[in-house]
Amino acid sequence: MRKVLTALFVILATNVFALDNIWDMRYTFGPDSRPSPKLGFGFGMRSDYDPNVLFPINLTSGLTKNFDFGSKINVQTYDKIDHIQASLDVGGRFRFNTVNFFEVDGYFGLNRNNGSAIVLTLGSDQVISKNFLNYYEARAGFLDGVTGDGGYVKFALGMTPTLIFGRFLRCMVEVNTSGSAGHLRDDFMIDILPKFEFAFGGTRVRLDFDIGVMQEKNNDRYGIGLYVMTAL
């Protein structure tokens, strides 16, 4: 599976270099393969260094050893809170084993001008050594909330090499790419996200930096995100 996902990623990455709304369509704060606690709570904020700020809040639950469930509300503010757009994500994840999982997310726009979507995710967490692992995921999103008008399906591929320094610190570099069938030329993006995650007992604090690398018409913006996740 690791070889297949890597090959698909390389094929797409040879077209061009570009964060896409499909990245947020999950009940977690970005790609994360670790099992949910019996009950977990998280909140965060993300900005593109402008007056527009996203505030995500989530609840997760490990219902069984192999099945997680969760929901997340995204509140996007524009122009110093002059305008607010909200969405709800409800998702579940089934683990085939300790390495691979399948996830389904339902995304619902809570404003009149943002649509709904269904996103399927296949993920794999490959442990290379005690201090290094690599996470891979392949995603497909359907309906106008993710594809836009005239699109058929949006695909996304990602990989996240991770260095682990004991129980306290993880350093990650996520690389993800996405594009829509139907208007791939105008919608293809690749993002690079250096991440630093600190663990304090049952609480994790993560700092993300998003570097959009793409043509000006698509995604050449920079962003920063801060997330706090804790077991209740």
C-alpha atoms as a PDB file:
ATOM      1  CA  MET A   1       0.000   0.000   0.000  1.00  0.00           C
ATOM      2  CA  ARG A   2       2.828   2.384   0.826  1.00  0.00           C
ATOM      3  CA  LYS A   3       4.346   1.879  -2.644  1.00  0.00           C
ATOM      4  CA  VAL A   4       1.000   2.507  -4.374  1.00  0.00           C
ATOM      5  CA  LEU A   5       0.304   5.748  -2.508  1.00  0.00           C
ATOM      6  CA  THR A   6       3.852   6.977  -3.074  1.00  0.00           C
ATOM      7  CA  ALA A   7       3.603   6.286  -6.794  1.00  0.00           C
ATOM      8  CA  LEU A   8       0.306   8.171  -7.078  1.00  0.00           C
ATOM      9  CA  PHE A   9       1.769  11.104  -5.178  1.00  0.00           C
ATOM     10  CA  VAL A  10       4.791  11.292  -7.483  1.00  0.00           C
ATOM     11  CA  ILE A  11       2.638  11.172 -10.603  1.00  0.00           C
ATOM     12  CA  LEU A  12       0.598  14.171  -9.480  1.00  0.00           C
ATOM     13  CA  ALA A  13       3.531  16.100  -8.121  1.00  0.00           C
ATOM     14  CA  THR A  14       5.285  16.089 -11.499  1.00  0.00           C
ATOM     15  CA  ASN A  15       2.608  18.357 -12.990  1.00  0.00           C
ATOM     16  CA  VAL A  16       3.174  21.451 -10.850  1.00  0.00           C
ATOM     17  CA  PHE A  17       3.756  22.537  -7.337  1.00  0.00           C
ATOM     18  CA  ALA A  18       0.099  23.917  -4.343  1.00  0.00           C
ATOM     19  CA  LEU A  19      -4.383  24.442   1.299  1.00  0.00           C
ATOM     20  CA  ASP A  20      -7.566  23.411  -0.213  1.00  0.00           C
ATOM     21  CA  ASN A  21     -10.963  23.176   1.454  1.00  0.00           C
ATOM     22  CA  ILE A  22     -10.805  19.363   1.282  1.00  0.00           C
ATOM     23  CA  TRP A  23      -7.956  19.496   3.826  1.00  0.00           C
ATOM     24  CA  ASP A  24     -10.418  20.719   6.502  1.00  0.00           C
ATOM     25  CA  MET A  25     -13.117  18.189   5.637  1.00  0.00           C
ATOM     26  CA  ARG A  26     -12.293  15.745   8.425  1.00  0.00           C
ATOM     27  CA  TYR A  27     -13.241  15.530  12.088  1.00  0.00           C
ATOM     28  CA  THR A  28      -9.593  15.829  13.137  1.00  0.00           C
ATOM     29  CA  PHE A  29      -7.285  18.850  12.804  1.00  0.00           C
ATOM     30  CA  GLY A  30      -5.532  17.752   9.664  1.00  0.00           C
ATOM     31  CA  PRO A  31      -4.031  14.327   8.917  1.00  0.00           C
ATOM     32  CA  ASP A  32      -3.680  12.308  12.122  1.00  0.00           C
ATOM     33  CA  SER A  33      -3.643   8.524  12.302  1.00  0.00           C
ATOM     34  CA  ARG A  34      -3.484   8.135  16.079  1.00  0.00           C
ATOM     35  CA  PRO A  35      -6.518   6.559  17.803  1.00  0.00           C
ATOM     36  CA  SER A  36      -8.923   8.904  19.580  1.00  0.00           C
ATOM     37  CA  PRO A  37      -9.171   8.763  23.381  1.00  0.00           C
ATOM     38  CA  LYS A  38     -12.427   7.552  24.892  1.00  0.00           C
ATOM     39  CA  LEU A  39     -13.461  11.189  24.835  1.00  0.00           C
ATOM     40  CA  GLY A  40     -11.363  13.986  23.411  1.00  0.00           C
ATOM     41  CA  PHE A  41     -11.838  17.726  22.908  1.00  0.00           C
ATOM     42  CA  GLY A  42      -9.915  20.093  20.689  1.00  0.00           C
ATOM     43  CA  PHE A  43      -9.907  23.699  19.535  1.00  0.00           C
ATOM     44  CA  GLY A  44      -7.670  25.863  17.428  1.00  0.00           C
ATOM     45  CA  MET A  45      -7.254  28.809  15.101  1.00  0.00           C
ATOM     46  CA  ARG A  46      -5.696  29.318  11.684  1.00  0.00           C
ATOM     47  CA  SER A  47      -4.944  32.426   9.663  1.00  0.00           C
ATOM     48  CA  ASP A  48      -3.339  33.358   6.346  1.00  0.00           C
ATOM     49  CA  TYR A  49      -1.740  36.405   7.995  1.00  0.00           C
ATOM     50  CA  ASP A  50      -4.793  38.532   7.176  1.00  0.00           C
ATOM     51  CA  PRO A  51      -8.081  39.511   8.952  1.00  0.00           C
ATOM     52  CA  ASN A  52      -9.656  36.156   7.992  1.00  0.00           C
ATOM     53  CA  VAL A  53      -9.388  33.584  10.812  1.00  0.00           C
ATOM     54  CA  LEU A  54     -10.680  30.004  11.096  1.00  0.00           C
ATOM     55  CA  PHE A  55     -11.735  28.648  14.512  1.00  0.00           C
ATOM     56  CA  PRO A  56     -12.217  24.831  14.530  1.00  0.00           C
ATOM     57  CA  ILE A  57     -13.681  22.957  17.532  1.00  0.00           C
ATOM     58  CA  ASN A  58     -14.004  19.169  17.704  1.00  0.00           C
ATOM     59  CA  LEU A  59     -15.101  16.246  19.841  1.00  0.00           C
ATOM     60  CA  THR A  60     -13.793  12.738  19.271  1.00  0.00           C
ATOM     61  CA  SER A  61     -14.445   9.338  20.793  1.00  0.00           C
ATOM     62  CA  GLY A  62     -12.790   5.935  20.567  1.00  0.00           C
ATOM     63  CA  LEU A  63     -15.930   3.820  20.603  1.00  0.00           C
ATOM     64  CA  THR A  64     -14.032   0.534  20.262  1.00  0.00           C
ATOM     65  CA  LYS A  65     -10.451  -0.559  19.650  1.00  0.00           C
ATOM     66  CA  ASN A  66     -10.990  -0.361  15.890  1.00  0.00           C
ATOM     67  CA  PHE A  67     -13.599   2.376  15.493  1.00  0.00           C
ATOM     68  CA  ASP A  68     -13.339   6.120  16.171  1.00  0.00           C
ATOM     69  CA  PHE A  69     -16.044   8.727  15.747  1.00  0.00           C
ATOM     70  CA  GLY A  70     -16.015  12.493  15.895  1.00  0.00           C
ATOM     71  CA  SER A  71     -17.422  15.834  14.813  1.00  0.00           C
ATOM     72  CA  LYS A  72     -15.953  19.241  14.155  1.00  0.00           C
ATOM     73  CA  ILE A  73     -17.367  22.729  13.703  1.00  0.00           C
ATOM     74  CA  ASN A  74     -15.402  25.190  11.593  1.00  0.00           C
ATOM     75  CA  VAL A  75     -16.199  28.873  12.125  1.00  0.00           C
ATOM     76  CA  GLN A  76     -14.556  31.015   9.432  1.00  0.00           C
ATOM     77  CA  THR A  77     -14.503  34.762  10.079  1.00  0.00           C
ATOM     78  CA  TYR A  78     -13.849  37.353   7.362  1.00  0.00           C
ATOM     79  CA  ASP A  79     -12.779  41.007   7.510  1.00  0.00           C
ATOM     80  CA  LYS A  80     -12.405  41.206  11.296  1.00  0.00           C
ATOM     81  CA  ILE A  81     -15.602  39.197  11.976  1.00  0.00           C
ATOM     82  CA  ASP A  82     -17.764  41.310   9.632  1.00  0.00           C
ATOM     83  CA  HIS A  83     -18.849  38.058   8.007  1.00  0.00           C
ATOM     84  CA  ILE A  84     -18.978  34.518   9.439  1.00  0.00           C
ATOM     85  CA  GLN A  85     -19.290  31.216   7.617  1.00  0.00           C
ATOM     86  CA  ALA A  86     -19.758  27.931   9.503  1.00  0.00           C
ATOM     87  CA  SER A  87     -19.640  24.259   8.623  1.00  0.00           C
ATOM     88  CA  LEU A  88     -20.089  20.934  10.415  1.00  0.00           C
ATOM     89  CA  ASP A  89     -18.129  17.739   9.821  1.00  0.00           C
ATOM     90  CA  VAL A  90     -19.262  14.351  11.154  1.00  0.00           C
ATOM     91  CA  GLY A  91     -16.951  11.414  10.550  1.00  0.00           C
ATOM     92  CA  GLY A  92     -16.001   7.889  11.500  1.00  0.00           C
ATOM     93  CA  ARG A  93     -12.855   5.817  11.088  1.00  0.00           C
ATOM     94  CA  PHE A  94     -12.440   2.040  10.933  1.00  0.00           C
ATOM     95  CA  ARG A  95      -9.008   0.494  11.518  1.00  0.00           C
ATOM     96  CA  PHE A  96      -8.208  -2.632   9.554  1.00  0.00           C
ATOM     97  CA  ASN A  97      -5.108  -3.138  11.726  1.00  0.00           C
ATOM     98  CA  THR A  98      -2.512  -1.047  13.571  1.00  0.00           C
ATOM     99  CA  VAL A  99      -1.302   0.445  10.272  1.00  0.00           C
ATOM    100  CA  ASN A 100      -4.232   1.055   7.897  1.00  0.00           C
ATOM    101  CA  PHE A 101      -7.641   2.685   8.262  1.00  0.00           C
ATOM    102  CA  PHE A 102     -10.639   3.859   6.234  1.00  0.00           C
ATOM    103  CA  GLU A 103     -12.495   7.078   7.101  1.00  0.00           C
ATOM    104  CA  VAL A 104     -15.752   8.651   5.945  1.00  0.00           C
ATOM    105  CA  ASP A 105     -16.559  12.315   6.579  1.00  0.00           C
ATOM    106  CA  GLY A 106     -19.817  14.130   5.917  1.00  0.00           C
ATOM    107  CA  TYR A 107     -19.351  17.874   5.507  1.00  0.00           C
ATOM    108  CA  PHE A 108     -22.346  20.200   5.839  1.00  0.00           C
ATOM    109  CA  GLY A 109     -22.234  23.899   5.030  1.00  0.00           C
ATOM    110  CA  LEU A 110     -24.334  25.840   7.539  1.00  0.00           C
ATOM    111  CA  ASN A 111     -24.613  28.972   5.389  1.00  0.00           C
ATOM    112  CA  ARG A 112     -26.595  29.326   2.190  1.00  0.00           C
ATOM    113  CA  ASN A 113     -23.504  29.917   0.094  1.00  0.00           C
ATOM    114  CA  ASN A 114     -21.401  26.903   1.133  1.00  0.00           C
ATOM    115  CA  GLY A 115     -22.393  23.418   0.045  1.00  0.00           C
ATOM    116  CA  SER A 116     -22.057  19.919   1.425  1.00  0.00           C
ATOM    117  CA  ALA A 117     -19.683  17.089   0.630  1.00  0.00           C
ATOM    118  CA  ILE A 118     -18.726  13.482   1.325  1.00  0.00           C
ATOM    119  CA  VAL A 119     -15.030  12.671   1.650  1.00  0.00           C
ATOM    120  CA  LEU A 120     -13.488   9.183   1.727  1.00  0.00           C
ATOM    121  CA  THR A 121      -9.998   8.664   3.149  1.00  0.00           C
ATOM    122  CA  LEU A 122      -7.636   5.704   3.042  1.00  0.00           C
ATOM    123  CA  GLY A 123      -4.685   6.168   5.405  1.00  0.00           C
ATOM    124  CA  SER A 124      -1.566   4.252   6.331  1.00  0.00           C
ATOM    125  CA  ASP A 125       0.924   4.893   9.134  1.00  0.00           C
ATOM    126  CA  GLN A 126       4.260   3.232   8.363  1.00  0.00           C
ATOM    127  CA  VAL A 127       6.638   2.929  11.332  1.00  0.00           C
ATOM    128  CA  ILE A 128      10.190   2.990   9.994  1.00  0.00           C
ATOM    129  CA  SER A 129      11.998   3.010  13.344  1.00  0.00           C
ATOM    130  CA  LYS A 130      11.446   3.983  16.969  1.00  0.00           C
ATOM    131  CA  ASN A 131      12.018   7.642  16.140  1.00  0.00           C
ATOM    132  CA  PHE A 132      10.705   7.919  12.578  1.00  0.00           C
ATOM    133  CA  LEU A 133       7.434   7.167  10.806  1.00  0.00           C
ATOM    134  CA  ASN A 134       5.743   8.182   7.585  1.00  0.00           C
ATOM    135  CA  TYR A 135       1.996   8.747   7.229  1.00  0.00           C
ATOM    136  CA  TYR A 136       0.265   8.453   3.847  1.00  0.00           C
ATOM    137  CA  GLU A 137      -3.300   9.194   2.818  1.00  0.00           C
ATOM    138  CA  ALA A 138      -5.401   9.139  -0.345  1.00  0.00           C
ATOM    139  CA  ARG A 139      -8.725  11.031  -0.400  1.00  0.00           C
ATOM    140  CA  ALA A 140     -11.680  11.540  -2.709  1.00  0.00           C
ATOM    141  CA  GLY A 141     -14.371  14.208  -2.198  1.00  0.00           C
ATOM    142  CA  PHE A 142     -17.792  14.385  -3.831  1.00  0.00           C
ATOM    143  CA  LEU A 143     -20.597  16.986  -4.165  1.00  0.00           C
ATOM    144  CA  ASP A 144     -20.407  20.720  -4.733  1.00  0.00           C
ATOM    145  CA  GLY A 145     -19.120  21.623  -1.257  1.00  0.00           C
ATOM    146  CA  VAL A 146     -15.728  20.258  -2.261  1.00  0.00           C
ATOM    147  CA  THR A 147     -15.723  20.112  -6.076  1.00  0.00           C
ATOM    148  CA  GLY A 148     -17.358  23.474  -6.769  1.00  0.00           C
ATOM    149  CA  ASP A 149     -19.719  24.082  -9.663  1.00  0.00           C
ATOM    150  CA  GLY A 150     -19.024  21.843 -12.615  1.00  0.00           C
ATOM    151  CA  GLY A 151     -16.566  19.535 -10.841  1.00  0.00           C
ATOM    152  CA  TYR A 152     -17.038  15.792 -10.572  1.00  0.00           C
ATOM    153  CA  VAL A 153     -14.695  14.616  -7.859  1.00  0.00           C
ATOM    154  CA  LYS A 154     -11.751  16.098  -5.981  1.00  0.00           C
ATOM    155  CA  PHE A 155      -8.715  13.959  -5.232  1.00  0.00           C
ATOM    156  CA  ALA A 156      -6.081  14.611  -2.579  1.00  0.00           C
ATOM    157  CA  LEU A 157      -2.873  12.796  -1.738  1.00  0.00           C
ATOM    158  CA  GLY A 158      -0.560  13.434   1.192  1.00  0.00           C
ATOM    159  CA  MET A 159       2.436  12.191   3.073  1.00  0.00           C
ATOM    160  CA  THR A 160       3.843  13.291   6.445  1.00  0.00           C
ATOM    161  CA  PRO A 161       7.368  12.214   7.445  1.00  0.00           C
ATOM    162  CA  THR A 162       7.601  12.451  11.258  1.00  0.00           C
ATOM    163  CA  LEU A 163      10.542  12.579  13.659  1.00  0.00           C
ATOM    164  CA  ILE A 164       9.718  11.541  17.236  1.00  0.00           C
ATOM    165  CA  PHE A 165      11.757  12.886  20.141  1.00  0.00           C
ATOM    166  CA  GLY A 166      10.602  10.855  23.143  1.00  0.00           C
ATOM    167  CA  ARG A 167       7.081  11.481  24.412  1.00  0.00           C
ATOM    168  CA  PHE A 168       7.369  15.257  24.359  1.00  0.00           C
ATOM    169  CA  LEU A 169       8.040  16.413  20.808  1.00  0.00           C
ATOM    170  CA  ARG A 170       7.174  15.457  17.235  1.00  0.00           C
ATOM    171  CA  CYS A 171       8.486  17.304  14.182  1.00  0.00           C
ATOM    172  CA  MET A 172       6.547  16.734  10.950  1.00  0.00           C
ATOM    173  CA  VAL A 173       6.564  17.946   7.367  1.00  0.00           C
ATOM    174  CA  GLU A 174       3.231  17.340   5.637  1.00  0.00           C
ATOM    175  CA  VAL A 175       3.133  17.542   1.850  1.00  0.00           C
ATOM    176  CA  ASN A 176      -0.302  17.365   0.277  1.00  0.00           C
ATOM    177  CA  THR A 177      -1.650  17.829  -3.212  1.00  0.00           C
ATOM    178  CA  SER A 178      -5.205  18.121  -4.527  1.00  0.00           C
ATOM    179  CA  GLY A 179      -7.124  18.743  -7.703  1.00  0.00           C
ATOM    180  CA  SER A 180     -10.630  18.473  -9.159  1.00  0.00           C
ATOM    181  CA  ALA A 181     -11.657  16.312 -12.077  1.00  0.00           C
ATOM    182  CA  GLY A 182     -13.494  18.703 -14.348  1.00  0.00           C
ATOM    183  CA  HIS A 183     -11.230  21.737 -13.914  1.00  0.00           C
ATOM    184  CA  LEU A 184      -7.860  20.365 -12.854  1.00  0.00           C
ATOM    185  CA  ARG A 185      -5.851  23.140 -14.509  1.00  0.00           C
ATOM    186  CA  ASP A 186      -7.385  25.892 -12.376  1.00  0.00           C
ATOM    187  CA  ASP A 187      -7.723  23.894  -9.159  1.00  0.00           C
ATOM    188  CA  PHE A 188      -4.503  21.942  -8.700  1.00  0.00           C
ATOM    189  CA  MET A 189      -2.610  22.789  -5.473  1.00  0.00           C
ATOM    190  CA  ILE A 190       0.331  21.593  -3.431  1.00  0.00           C
ATOM    191  CA  ASP A 191       1.038  22.671   0.151  1.00  0.00           C
ATOM    192  CA  ILE A 192       4.000  22.062   2.429  1.00  0.00           C
ATOM    193  CA  LEU A 193       3.254  22.209   6.165  1.00  0.00           C
ATOM    194  CA  PRO A 194       6.075  22.068   8.719  1.00  0.00           C
ATOM    195  CA  LYS A 195       4.564  21.099  12.095  1.00  0.00           C
ATOM    196  CA  PHE A 196       5.742  20.966  15.690  1.00  0.00           C
ATOM    197  CA  GLU A 197       3.700  19.056  18.269  1.00  0.00           C
ATOM    198  CA  PHE A 198       4.297  19.122  22.023  1.00  0.00           C
ATOM    199  CA  ALA A 199       2.743  16.604  24.426  1.00  0.00           C
ATOM    200  CA  PHE A 200       1.894  17.438  28.039  1.00  0.00           C
ATOM    201  CA  GLY A 201       0.401  14.285  29.529  1.00  0.00           C
ATOM    202  CA  GLY A 202      -2.967  13.787  27.818  1.00  0.00           C
ATOM    203  CA  THR A 203      -2.799  17.166  26.053  1.00  0.00           C
ATOM    204  CA  ARG A 204      -1.167  17.880  22.700  1.00  0.00           C
ATOM    205  CA  VAL A 205      -0.347  21.337  21.334  1.00  0.00           C
ATOM    206  CA  ARG A 206       0.481  21.615  17.628  1.00  0.00           C
ATOM    207  CA  LEU A 207       1.825  24.516  15.618  1.00  0.00           C
ATOM    208  CA  ASP A 208       1.450  24.407  11.807  1.00  0.00           C
ATOM    209  CA  PHE A 209       3.005  26.577   9.123  1.00  0.00           C
ATOM    210  CA  ASP A 210       1.391  26.325   5.684  1.00  0.00           C
ATOM    211  CA  ILE A 211       3.478  27.151   2.610  1.00  0.00           C
ATOM    212  CA  GLY A 212       1.390  27.161  -0.575  1.00  0.00           C
ATOM    213  CA  VAL A 213       3.634  26.635  -3.578  1.00  0.00           C
ATOM    214  CA  MET A 214       1.800  27.226  -6.824  1.00  0.00           C
ATOM    215  CA  GLN A 215       1.031  29.616  -9.624  1.00  0.00           C
ATOM    216  CA  GLU A 216      -0.400  32.962  -8.497  1.00  0.00           C
ATOM    217  CA  LYS A 217      -3.864  32.118  -9.832  1.00  0.00           C
ATOM    218  CA  ASN A 218      -4.118  29.113  -7.506  1.00  0.00           C
ATOM    219  CA  ASN A 219      -2.334  28.991  -4.169  1.00  0.00           C
ATOM    220  CA  ASP A 220       0.767  30.962  -3.271  1.00  0.00           C
ATOM    221  CA  ARG A 221      -0.339  32.017   0.228  1.00  0.00           C
ATOM    222  CA  TYR A 222       1.190  31.354   3.611  1.00  0.00           C
ATOM    223  CA  GLY A 223      -0.690  30.387   6.798  1.00  0.00           C
ATOM    224  CA  ILE A 224      -0.237  29.534  10.442  1.00  0.00           C
ATOM    225  CA  GLY A 225      -2.336  27.340  12.731  1.00  0.00           C
ATOM    226  CA  LEU A 226      -2.391  26.502  16.440  1.00  0.00           C
ATOM    227  CA  TYR A 227      -4.319  23.497  17.792  1.00  0.00           C
ATOM    228  CA  VAL A 228      -4.882  22.101  21.290  1.00  0.00           C
ATOM    229  CA  MET A 229      -6.158  18.520  21.718  1.00  0.00           C
ATOM    230  CA  THR A 230      -6.830  16.932  25.106  1.00  0.00           C
ATOM    231  CA  ALA A 231      -8.348  13.756  26.561  1.00  0.00           C
ATOM    232  CA  LEU A 232     -11.300  14.403  28.879  1.00  0.00           C
END
